[in-house]
Amino acid sequence: MDNRINEIRRLIRALRVSMLEAEAIMRDQINRGDSCAFVAEEIMKMRSVMSLLVEERTTLGDTDPILVKSFFLPRRPLAERPVARPVRRVLVGRT
C-alpha cells in the first residue's frame, strides 16, 4: 500500500509539471493569436487523470500535501516607484 501511495504521489508531481508546461504553451499560443484547442483538450485530460489519482490517494489514507519546487511560477519583480519628495513651499510677502 505504501508503494502505491508513493507511486501516486510521483504521478501527481509529474502531472503538475506537465500541466504547467502545457499552460505556458497555451499562453504563448493565445498571445500569438493561434488556436489552443488541442493543448486545452490535453490539459482537461490531465485534470481528469489528476482527479482520479487524488481520489485514489485519499481512499488509501494519504492526506499529506505534495510539494513541487517548480509548481509556483516566479512573479514579475515589482516596478520601482519614484520616491515622492516633499515640496518646499516658499512664502512670498506682499509688497
PDB file of N, CA and C in Angstrom:
ATOM      1  N   MET A   1       0.823  -1.182   0.000  1.00  0.00           N
ATOM      2  CA  MET A   1       0.000   0.000   0.000  1.00  0.00           C
ATOM      3  C   MET A   1       0.875   1.257   0.000  1.00  0.00           C
ATOM      4  N   ASP A   2       1.965   1.251   0.753  1.00  0.00           N
ATOM      5  CA  ASP A   2       2.867   2.391   0.792  1.00  0.00           C
ATOM      6  C   ASP A   2       3.482   2.652  -0.577  1.00  0.00           C
ATOM      7  N   ASN A   3       3.820   1.569  -1.297  1.00  0.00           N
ATOM      8  CA  ASN A   3       4.393   1.734  -2.627  1.00  0.00           C
ATOM      9  C   ASN A   3       3.396   2.371  -3.579  1.00  0.00           C
ATOM     10  N   ARG A   4       2.118   1.990  -3.460  1.00  0.00           N
ATOM     11  CA  ARG A   4       1.096   2.563  -4.335  1.00  0.00           C
ATOM     12  C   ARG A   4       0.918   4.058  -4.042  1.00  0.00           C
ATOM     13  N   ILE A   5       0.952   4.439  -2.770  1.00  0.00           N
ATOM     14  CA  ILE A   5       0.827   5.852  -2.408  1.00  0.00           C
ATOM     15  C   ILE A   5       2.009   6.638  -2.970  1.00  0.00           C
ATOM     16  N   ASN A   6       3.217   6.094  -2.842  1.00  0.00           N
ATOM     17  CA  ASN A   6       4.399   6.777  -3.377  1.00  0.00           C
ATOM     18  C   ASN A   6       4.323   6.904  -4.897  1.00  0.00           C
ATOM     19  N   GLU A   7       3.814   5.867  -5.549  1.00  0.00           N
ATOM     20  CA  GLU A   7       3.671   5.917  -6.998  1.00  0.00           C
ATOM     21  C   GLU A   7       2.648   6.977  -7.414  1.00  0.00           C
ATOM     22  N   ILE A   8       1.549   7.066  -6.684  1.00  0.00           N
ATOM     23  CA  ILE A   8       0.521   8.068  -6.978  1.00  0.00           C
ATOM     24  C   ILE A   8       1.088   9.469  -6.764  1.00  0.00           C
ATOM     25  N   ARG A   9       1.819   9.661  -5.675  1.00  0.00           N
ATOM     26  CA  ARG A   9       2.414  10.969  -5.403  1.00  0.00           C
ATOM     27  C   ARG A   9       3.398  11.366  -6.507  1.00  0.00           C
ATOM     28  N   ARG A  10       4.168  10.416  -6.999  1.00  0.00           N
ATOM     29  CA  ARG A  10       5.112  10.673  -8.083  1.00  0.00           C
ATOM     30  C   ARG A  10       4.365  11.053  -9.362  1.00  0.00           C
ATOM     31  N   LEU A  11       3.280  10.345  -9.657  1.00  0.00           N
ATOM     32  CA  LEU A  11       2.491  10.648 -10.839  1.00  0.00           C
ATOM     33  C   LEU A  11       1.842  12.027 -10.748  1.00  0.00           C
ATOM     34  N   ILE A  12       1.358  12.384  -9.561  1.00  0.00           N
ATOM     35  CA  ILE A  12       0.731  13.694  -9.371  1.00  0.00           C
ATOM     36  C   ILE A  12       1.767  14.798  -9.577  1.00  0.00           C
ATOM     37  N   ARG A  13       2.967  14.614  -9.039  1.00  0.00           N
ATOM     38  CA  ARG A  13       4.027  15.604  -9.232  1.00  0.00           C
ATOM     39  C   ARG A  13       4.333  15.787 -10.717  1.00  0.00           C
ATOM     40  N   ALA A  14       4.475  14.670 -11.430  1.00  0.00           N
ATOM     41  CA  ALA A  14       4.783  14.738 -12.858  1.00  0.00           C
ATOM     42  C   ALA A  14       3.646  15.408 -13.632  1.00  0.00           C
ATOM     43  N   LEU A  15       2.412  15.101 -13.249  1.00  0.00           N
ATOM     44  CA  LEU A  15       1.265  15.719 -13.915  1.00  0.00           C
ATOM     45  C   LEU A  15       1.228  17.221 -13.687  1.00  0.00           C
ATOM     46  N   ARG A  16       1.544  17.649 -12.478  1.00  0.00           N
ATOM     47  CA  ARG A  16       1.550  19.085 -12.188  1.00  0.00           C
ATOM     48  C   ARG A  16       2.555  19.818 -13.060  1.00  0.00           C
ATOM     49  N   VAL A  17       3.741  19.251 -13.187  1.00  0.00           N
ATOM     50  CA  VAL A  17       4.777  19.874 -14.006  1.00  0.00           C
ATOM     51  C   VAL A  17       4.337  19.896 -15.472  1.00  0.00           C
ATOM     52  N   SER A  18       3.782  18.799 -15.949  1.00  0.00           N
ATOM     53  CA  SER A  18       3.307  18.738 -17.334  1.00  0.00           C
ATOM     54  C   SER A  18       2.197  19.746 -17.583  1.00  0.00           C
ATOM     55  N   MET A  19       1.310  19.903 -16.612  1.00  0.00           N
ATOM     56  CA  MET A  19       0.220  20.864 -16.759  1.00  0.00           C
ATOM     57  C   MET A  19       0.750  22.290 -16.813  1.00  0.00           C
ATOM     58  N   LEU A  20       1.739  22.594 -16.003  1.00  0.00           N
ATOM     59  CA  LEU A  20       2.337  23.936 -16.032  1.00  0.00           C
ATOM     60  C   LEU A  20       2.989  24.218 -17.383  1.00  0.00           C
ATOM     61  N   GLU A  21       3.693  23.220 -17.912  1.00  0.00           N
ATOM     62  CA  GLU A  21       4.328  23.407 -19.211  1.00  0.00           C
ATOM     63  C   GLU A  21       3.281  23.596 -20.302  1.00  0.00           C
ATOM     64  N   ALA A  22       2.204  22.803 -20.250  1.00  0.00           N
ATOM     65  CA  ALA A  22       1.137  22.927 -21.243  1.00  0.00           C
ATOM     66  C   ALA A  22       0.446  24.284 -21.127  1.00  0.00           C
ATOM     67  N   GLU A  23       0.248  24.759 -19.906  1.00  0.00           N
ATOM     68  CA  GLU A  23      -0.375  26.073 -19.724  1.00  0.00           C
ATOM     69  C   GLU A  23       0.510  27.181 -20.286  1.00  0.00           C
ATOM     70  N   ALA A  24       1.817  27.051 -20.132  1.00  0.00           N
ATOM     71  CA  ALA A  24       2.736  28.050 -20.692  1.00  0.00           C
ATOM     72  C   ALA A  24       2.665  28.034 -22.218  1.00  0.00           C
ATOM     73  N   ILE A  25       2.598  26.848 -22.798  1.00  0.00           N
ATOM     74  CA  ILE A  25       2.475  26.731 -24.252  1.00  0.00           C
ATOM     75  C   ILE A  25       1.165  27.362 -24.714  1.00  0.00           C
ATOM     76  N   MET A  26       0.091  27.100 -23.965  1.00  0.00           N
ATOM     77  CA  MET A  26      -1.209  27.645 -24.325  1.00  0.00           C
ATOM     78  C   MET A  26      -1.203  29.172 -24.246  1.00  0.00           C
ATOM     79  N   ARG A  27      -0.567  29.739 -23.219  1.00  0.00           N
ATOM     80  CA  ARG A  27      -0.476  31.199 -23.105  1.00  0.00           C
ATOM     81  C   ARG A  27       0.274  31.800 -24.296  1.00  0.00           C
ATOM     82  N   ASP A  28       1.357  31.137 -24.704  1.00  0.00           N
ATOM     83  CA  ASP A  28       2.111  31.616 -25.865  1.00  0.00           C
ATOM     84  C   ASP A  28       1.246  31.584 -27.126  1.00  0.00           C
ATOM     85  N   GLN A  29       0.482  30.506 -27.293  1.00  0.00           N
ATOM     86  CA  GLN A  29      -0.390  30.398 -28.462  1.00  0.00           C
ATOM     87  C   GLN A  29      -1.457  31.484 -28.449  1.00  0.00           C
ATOM     88  N   ILE A  30      -2.014  31.761 -27.276  1.00  0.00           N
ATOM     89  CA  ILE A  30      -3.031  32.805 -27.162  1.00  0.00           C
ATOM     90  C   ILE A  30      -2.424  34.163 -27.485  1.00  0.00           C
ATOM     91  N   ASN A  31      -1.232  34.431 -26.973  1.00  0.00           N
ATOM     92  CA  ASN A  31      -0.567  35.711 -27.237  1.00  0.00           C
ATOM     93  C   ASN A  31      -0.258  35.906 -28.720  1.00  0.00           C
ATOM     94  N   ARG A  32       0.024  34.810 -29.422  1.00  0.00           N
ATOM     95  CA  ARG A  32       0.288  34.898 -30.862  1.00  0.00           C
ATOM     96  C   ARG A  32      -0.995  34.938 -31.680  1.00  0.00           C
ATOM     97  N   GLY A  33      -2.123  34.615 -31.046  1.00  0.00           N
ATOM     98  CA  GLY A  33      -3.399  34.595 -31.756  1.00  0.00           C
ATOM     99  C   GLY A  33      -3.686  33.262 -32.421  1.00  0.00           C
ATOM    100  N   ASP A  34      -2.944  32.225 -32.045  1.00  0.00           N
ATOM    101  CA  ASP A  34      -3.157  30.896 -32.616  1.00  0.00           C
ATOM    102  C   ASP A  34      -4.254  30.162 -31.861  1.00  0.00           C
ATOM    103  N   SER A  35      -4.721  29.075 -32.458  1.00  0.00           N
ATOM    104  CA  SER A  35      -5.717  28.236 -31.794  1.00  0.00           C
ATOM    105  C   SER A  35      -5.024  27.365 -30.749  1.00  0.00           C
ATOM    106  N   CYS A  36      -5.610  27.297 -29.561  1.00  0.00           N
ATOM    107  CA  CYS A  36      -5.012  26.485 -28.497  1.00  0.00           C
ATOM    108  C   CYS A  36      -5.955  25.360 -28.086  1.00  0.00           C
ATOM    109  N   ALA A  37      -6.839  24.949 -28.997  1.00  0.00           N
ATOM    110  CA  ALA A  37      -7.843  23.927 -28.677  1.00  0.00           C
ATOM    111  C   ALA A  37      -7.188  22.590 -28.312  1.00  0.00           C
ATOM    112  N   PHE A  38      -6.156  22.195 -29.049  1.00  0.00           N
ATOM    113  CA  PHE A  38      -5.521  20.904 -28.788  1.00  0.00           C
ATOM    114  C   PHE A  38      -4.876  20.878 -27.408  1.00  0.00           C
ATOM    115  N   VAL A  39      -4.134  21.926 -27.082  1.00  0.00           N
ATOM    116  CA  VAL A  39      -3.450  21.986 -25.788  1.00  0.00           C
ATOM    117  C   VAL A  39      -4.467  22.059 -24.653  1.00  0.00           C
ATOM    118  N   ALA A  40      -5.542  22.822 -24.849  1.00  0.00           N
ATOM    119  CA  ALA A  40      -6.583  22.931 -23.823  1.00  0.00           C
ATOM    120  C   ALA A  40      -7.243  21.571 -23.581  1.00  0.00           C
ATOM    121  N   GLU A  41      -7.447  20.817 -24.653  1.00  0.00           N
ATOM    122  CA  GLU A  41      -8.026  19.475 -24.515  1.00  0.00           C
ATOM    123  C   GLU A  41      -7.094  18.557 -23.734  1.00  0.00           C
ATOM    124  N   GLU A  42      -5.797  18.660 -24.007  1.00  0.00           N
ATOM    125  CA  GLU A  42      -4.818  17.838 -23.288  1.00  0.00           C
ATOM    126  C   GLU A  42      -4.782  18.205 -21.800  1.00  0.00           C
ATOM    127  N   ILE A  43      -4.897  19.494 -21.492  1.00  0.00           N
ATOM    128  CA  ILE A  43      -4.916  19.923 -20.084  1.00  0.00           C
ATOM    129  C   ILE A  43      -6.147  19.356 -19.388  1.00  0.00           C
ATOM    130  N   MET A  44      -7.279  19.357 -20.076  1.00  0.00           N
ATOM    131  CA  MET A  44      -8.506  18.800 -19.487  1.00  0.00           C
ATOM    132  C   MET A  44      -8.351  17.297 -19.225  1.00  0.00           C
ATOM    133  N   LYS A  45      -7.678  16.598 -20.118  1.00  0.00           N
ATOM    134  CA  LYS A  45      -7.421  15.167 -19.896  1.00  0.00           C
ATOM    135  C   LYS A  45      -6.527  14.971 -18.676  1.00  0.00           C
ATOM    136  N   MET A  46      -5.500  15.811 -18.572  1.00  0.00           N
ATOM    137  CA  MET A  46      -4.594  15.714 -17.415  1.00  0.00           C
ATOM    138  C   MET A  46      -5.346  15.987 -16.124  1.00  0.00           C
ATOM    139  N   ARG A  47      -6.280  16.932 -16.148  1.00  0.00           N
ATOM    140  CA  ARG A  47      -7.060  17.249 -14.949  1.00  0.00           C
ATOM    141  C   ARG A  47      -7.950  16.077 -14.543  1.00  0.00           C
ATOM    142  N   SER A  48      -8.519  15.387 -15.520  1.00  0.00           N
ATOM    143  CA  SER A  48      -9.364  14.242 -15.175  1.00  0.00           C
ATOM    144  C   SER A  48      -8.524  13.108 -14.591  1.00  0.00           C
ATOM    145  N   VAL A  49      -7.333  12.887 -15.146  1.00  0.00           N
ATOM    146  CA  VAL A  49      -6.441  11.865 -14.588  1.00  0.00           C
ATOM    147  C   VAL A  49      -6.013  12.261 -13.182  1.00  0.00           C
ATOM    148  N   MET A  50      -5.701  13.549 -12.998  1.00  0.00           N
ATOM    149  CA  MET A  50      -5.309  14.056 -11.680  1.00  0.00           C
ATOM    150  C   MET A  50      -6.417  13.834 -10.667  1.00  0.00           C
ATOM    151  N   SER A  51      -7.647  14.088 -11.071  1.00  0.00           N
ATOM    152  CA  SER A  51      -8.784  13.915 -10.176  1.00  0.00           C
ATOM    153  C   SER A  51      -8.910  12.464  -9.712  1.00  0.00           C
ATOM    154  N   LEU A  52      -8.739  11.538 -10.642  1.00  0.00           N
ATOM    155  CA  LEU A  52      -8.815  10.113 -10.275  1.00  0.00           C
ATOM    156  C   LEU A  52      -7.670   9.724  -9.342  1.00  0.00           C
ATOM    157  N   LEU A  53      -6.476  10.241  -9.615  1.00  0.00           N
ATOM    158  CA  LEU A  53      -5.331   9.921  -8.747  1.00  0.00           C
ATOM    159  C   LEU A  53      -5.526  10.484  -7.344  1.00  0.00           C
ATOM    160  N   VAL A  54      -6.031  11.692  -7.243  1.00  0.00           N
ATOM    161  CA  VAL A  54      -6.258  12.298  -5.929  1.00  0.00           C
ATOM    162  C   VAL A  54      -7.325  11.522  -5.165  1.00  0.00           C
ATOM    163  N   GLU A  55      -8.357  11.103  -5.883  1.00  0.00           N
ATOM    164  CA  GLU A  55      -9.415  10.318  -5.234  1.00  0.00           C
ATOM    165  C   GLU A  55      -8.871   8.999  -4.701  1.00  0.00           C
ATOM    166  N   GLU A  56      -8.051   8.322  -5.510  1.00  0.00           N
ATOM    167  CA  GLU A  56      -7.458   7.056  -5.065  1.00  0.00           C
ATOM    168  C   GLU A  56      -6.513   7.283  -3.886  1.00  0.00           C
ATOM    169  N   ARG A  57      -5.777   8.366  -3.940  1.00  0.00           N
ATOM    170  CA  ARG A  57      -4.834   8.686  -2.865  1.00  0.00           C
ATOM    171  C   ARG A  57      -5.550   8.914  -1.542  1.00  0.00           C
ATOM    172  N   THR A  58      -6.666   9.639  -1.579  1.00  0.00           N
ATOM    173  CA  THR A  58      -7.405   9.893  -0.334  1.00  0.00           C
ATOM    174  C   THR A  58      -8.079   8.630   0.178  1.00  0.00           C
ATOM    175  N   THR A  59      -8.500   7.732  -0.706  1.00  0.00           N
ATOM    176  CA  THR A  59      -9.087   6.476  -0.225  1.00  0.00           C
ATOM    177  C   THR A  59      -8.029   5.594   0.431  1.00  0.00           C
ATOM    178  N   LEU A  60      -6.768   5.742   0.021  1.00  0.00           N
ATOM    179  CA  LEU A  60      -5.696   4.985   0.662  1.00  0.00           C
ATOM    180  C   LEU A  60      -5.251   5.622   1.975  1.00  0.00           C
ATOM    181  N   GLY A  61      -5.769   6.816   2.274  1.00  0.00           N
ATOM    182  CA  GLY A  61      -5.494   7.444   3.557  1.00  0.00           C
ATOM    183  C   GLY A  61      -4.374   8.461   3.556  1.00  0.00           C
ATOM    184  N   ASP A  62      -3.876   8.848   2.403  1.00  0.00           N
ATOM    185  CA  ASP A  62      -2.788   9.828   2.332  1.00  0.00           C
ATOM    186  C   ASP A  62      -3.377  11.227   2.209  1.00  0.00           C
ATOM    187  N   THR A  63      -3.094  12.075   3.195  1.00  0.00           N
ATOM    188  CA  THR A  63      -3.603  13.447   3.165  1.00  0.00           C
ATOM    189  C   THR A  63      -2.488  14.484   3.250  1.00  0.00           C
ATOM    190  N   ASP A  64      -1.240  14.052   3.218  1.00  0.00           N
ATOM    191  CA  ASP A  64      -0.109  14.982   3.280  1.00  0.00           C
ATOM    192  C   ASP A  64      -0.021  15.778   1.984  1.00  0.00           C
ATOM    193  N   PRO A  65       0.371  17.060   2.073  1.00  0.00           N
ATOM    194  CA  PRO A  65       0.499  17.853   0.846  1.00  0.00           C
ATOM    195  C   PRO A  65       1.665  17.369  -0.008  1.00  0.00           C
ATOM    196  N   ILE A  66       1.503  17.510  -1.309  1.00  0.00           N
ATOM    197  CA  ILE A  66       2.553  17.134  -2.252  1.00  0.00           C
ATOM    198  C   ILE A  66       3.189  18.425  -2.743  1.00  0.00           C
ATOM    199  N   LEU A  67       4.458  18.608  -2.457  1.00  0.00           N
ATOM    200  CA  LEU A  67       5.156  19.833  -2.827  1.00  0.00           C
ATOM    201  C   LEU A  67       5.956  19.618  -4.103  1.00  0.00           C
ATOM    202  N   VAL A  68       5.875  20.588  -4.983  1.00  0.00           N
ATOM    203  CA  VAL A  68       6.647  20.568  -6.226  1.00  0.00           C
ATOM    204  C   VAL A  68       7.408  21.878  -6.283  1.00  0.00           C
ATOM    205  N   LYS A  69       8.711  21.803  -6.488  1.00  0.00           N
ATOM    206  CA  LYS A  69       9.535  23.013  -6.483  1.00  0.00           C
ATOM    207  C   LYS A  69       9.125  23.979  -7.575  1.00  0.00           C
ATOM    208  N   SER A  70       8.866  23.473  -8.760  1.00  0.00           N
ATOM    209  CA  SER A  70       8.562  24.365  -9.876  1.00  0.00           C
ATOM    210  C   SER A  70       7.063  24.596 -10.040  1.00  0.00           C
ATOM    211  N   PHE A  71       6.278  24.303  -9.022  1.00  0.00           N
ATOM    212  CA  PHE A  71       4.828  24.458  -9.135  1.00  0.00           C
ATOM    213  C   PHE A  71       4.440  25.925  -9.220  1.00  0.00           C
ATOM    214  N   PHE A  72       5.114  26.778  -8.475  1.00  0.00           N
ATOM    215  CA  PHE A  72       4.777  28.190  -8.468  1.00  0.00           C
ATOM    216  C   PHE A  72       5.670  28.932  -9.449  1.00  0.00           C
ATOM    217  N   LEU A  73       5.041  29.673 -10.330  1.00  0.00           N
ATOM    218  CA  LEU A  73       5.793  30.471 -11.285  1.00  0.00           C
ATOM    219  C   LEU A  73       6.338  31.704 -10.573  1.00  0.00           C
ATOM    220  N   PRO A  74       7.576  32.079 -10.861  1.00  0.00           N
ATOM    221  CA  PRO A  74       8.108  33.276 -10.209  1.00  0.00           C
ATOM    222  C   PRO A  74       7.341  34.510 -10.676  1.00  0.00           C
ATOM    223  N   ARG A  75       7.082  35.401  -9.740  1.00  0.00           N
ATOM    224  CA  ARG A  75       6.363  36.627 -10.067  1.00  0.00           C
ATOM    225  C   ARG A  75       7.297  37.640 -10.687  1.00  0.00           C
ATOM    226  N   ARG A  76       6.718  38.505 -11.466  1.00  0.00           N
ATOM    227  CA  ARG A  76       7.487  39.608 -12.019  1.00  0.00           C
ATOM    228  C   ARG A  76       7.948  40.506 -10.894  1.00  0.00           C
ATOM    229  N   PRO A  77       9.148  41.036 -10.972  1.00  0.00           N
ATOM    230  CA  PRO A  77       9.563  41.981  -9.922  1.00  0.00           C
ATOM    231  C   PRO A  77       8.687  43.228 -10.004  1.00  0.00           C
ATOM    232  N   LEU A  78       8.369  43.769  -8.857  1.00  0.00           N
ATOM    233  CA  LEU A  78       7.546  44.961  -8.813  1.00  0.00           C
ATOM    234  C   LEU A  78       8.293  46.144  -9.414  1.00  0.00           C
ATOM    235  N   ALA A  79       7.555  46.957 -10.129  1.00  0.00           N
ATOM    236  CA  ALA A  79       8.161  48.141 -10.732  1.00  0.00           C
ATOM    237  C   ALA A  79       8.537  49.121  -9.630  1.00  0.00           C
ATOM    238  N   GLU A  80       9.663  49.759  -9.816  1.00  0.00           N
ATOM    239  CA  GLU A  80      10.103  50.723  -8.810  1.00  0.00           C
ATOM    240  C   GLU A  80       9.278  51.990  -8.945  1.00  0.00           C
ATOM    241  N   ARG A  81       8.788  52.454  -7.836  1.00  0.00           N
ATOM    242  CA  ARG A  81       8.015  53.689  -7.832  1.00  0.00           C
ATOM    243  C   ARG A  81       8.945  54.837  -7.476  1.00  0.00           C
ATOM    244  N   PRO A  82       8.751  55.962  -8.139  1.00  0.00           N
ATOM    245  CA  PRO A  82       9.609  57.101  -7.795  1.00  0.00           C
ATOM    246  C   PRO A  82       9.322  57.557  -6.368  1.00  0.00           C
ATOM    247  N   VAL A  83      10.360  57.961  -5.713  1.00  0.00           N
ATOM    248  CA  VAL A  83      10.226  58.422  -4.332  1.00  0.00           C
ATOM    249  C   VAL A  83       9.636  59.823  -4.356  1.00  0.00           C
ATOM    250  N   ALA A  84       8.545  60.001  -3.639  1.00  0.00           N
ATOM    251  CA  ALA A  84       7.903  61.321  -3.588  1.00  0.00           C
ATOM    252  C   ALA A  84       8.688  62.191  -2.611  1.00  0.00           C
ATOM    253  N   ARG A  85       9.192  63.293  -3.121  1.00  0.00           N
ATOM    254  CA  ARG A  85       9.951  64.206  -2.275  1.00  0.00           C
ATOM    255  C   ARG A  85       9.005  65.286  -1.765  1.00  0.00           C
ATOM    256  N   PRO A  86       9.194  65.700  -0.540  1.00  0.00           N
ATOM    257  CA  PRO A  86       8.321  66.766  -0.031  1.00  0.00           C
ATOM    258  C   PRO A  86       8.573  68.070  -0.788  1.00  0.00           C
ATOM    259  N   VAL A  87       7.504  68.752  -1.050  1.00  0.00           N
ATOM    260  CA  VAL A  87       7.597  70.002  -1.795  1.00  0.00           C
ATOM    261  C   VAL A  87       7.943  71.128  -0.820  1.00  0.00           C
ATOM    262  N   ARG A  88       8.933  71.922  -1.169  1.00  0.00           N
ATOM    263  CA  ARG A  88       9.295  73.068  -0.322  1.00  0.00           C
ATOM    264  C   ARG A  88       8.493  74.265  -0.800  1.00  0.00           C
ATOM    265  N   ARG A  89       7.721  74.762   0.059  1.00  0.00           N
ATOM    266  CA  ARG A  89       6.908  75.928  -0.293  1.00  0.00           C
ATOM    267  C   ARG A  89       7.600  77.180   0.219  1.00  0.00           C
ATOM    268  N   VAL A  90       7.653  78.135  -0.630  1.00  0.00           N
ATOM    269  CA  VAL A  90       8.287  79.404  -0.279  1.00  0.00           C
ATOM    270  C   VAL A  90       7.183  80.445  -0.147  1.00  0.00           C
ATOM    271  N   LEU A  91       7.132  81.080   1.010  1.00  0.00           N
ATOM    272  CA  LEU A  91       6.125  82.111   1.223  1.00  0.00           C
ATOM    273  C   LEU A  91       6.653  83.436   0.656  1.00  0.00           C
ATOM    274  N   VAL A  92       5.825  84.037  -0.133  1.00  0.00           N
ATOM    275  CA  VAL A  92       6.215  85.305  -0.736  1.00  0.00           C
ATOM    276  C   VAL A  92       5.420  86.400  -0.053  1.00  0.00           C
ATOM    277  N   GLY A  93       6.109  87.432   0.419  1.00  0.00           N
ATOM    278  CA  GLY A  93       5.431  88.540   1.091  1.00  0.00           C
ATOM    279  C   GLY A  93       4.817  89.508   0.107  1.00  0.00           C
ATOM    280  N   ARG A  94       3.798  90.220   0.536  1.00  0.00           N
ATOM    281  CA  ARG A  94       3.152  91.214  -0.336  1.00  0.00           C
ATOM    282  C   ARG A  94       3.968  92.501  -0.320  1.00  0.00           C
ATOM    283  N   THR A  95       4.039  93.123  -1.396  1.00  0.00           N
ATOM    284  CA  THR A  95       4.753  94.397  -1.459  1.00  0.00           C
ATOM    285  C   THR A  95       3.839  95.553  -1.783  1.00  0.00           C
TER     286      THR A  95
END
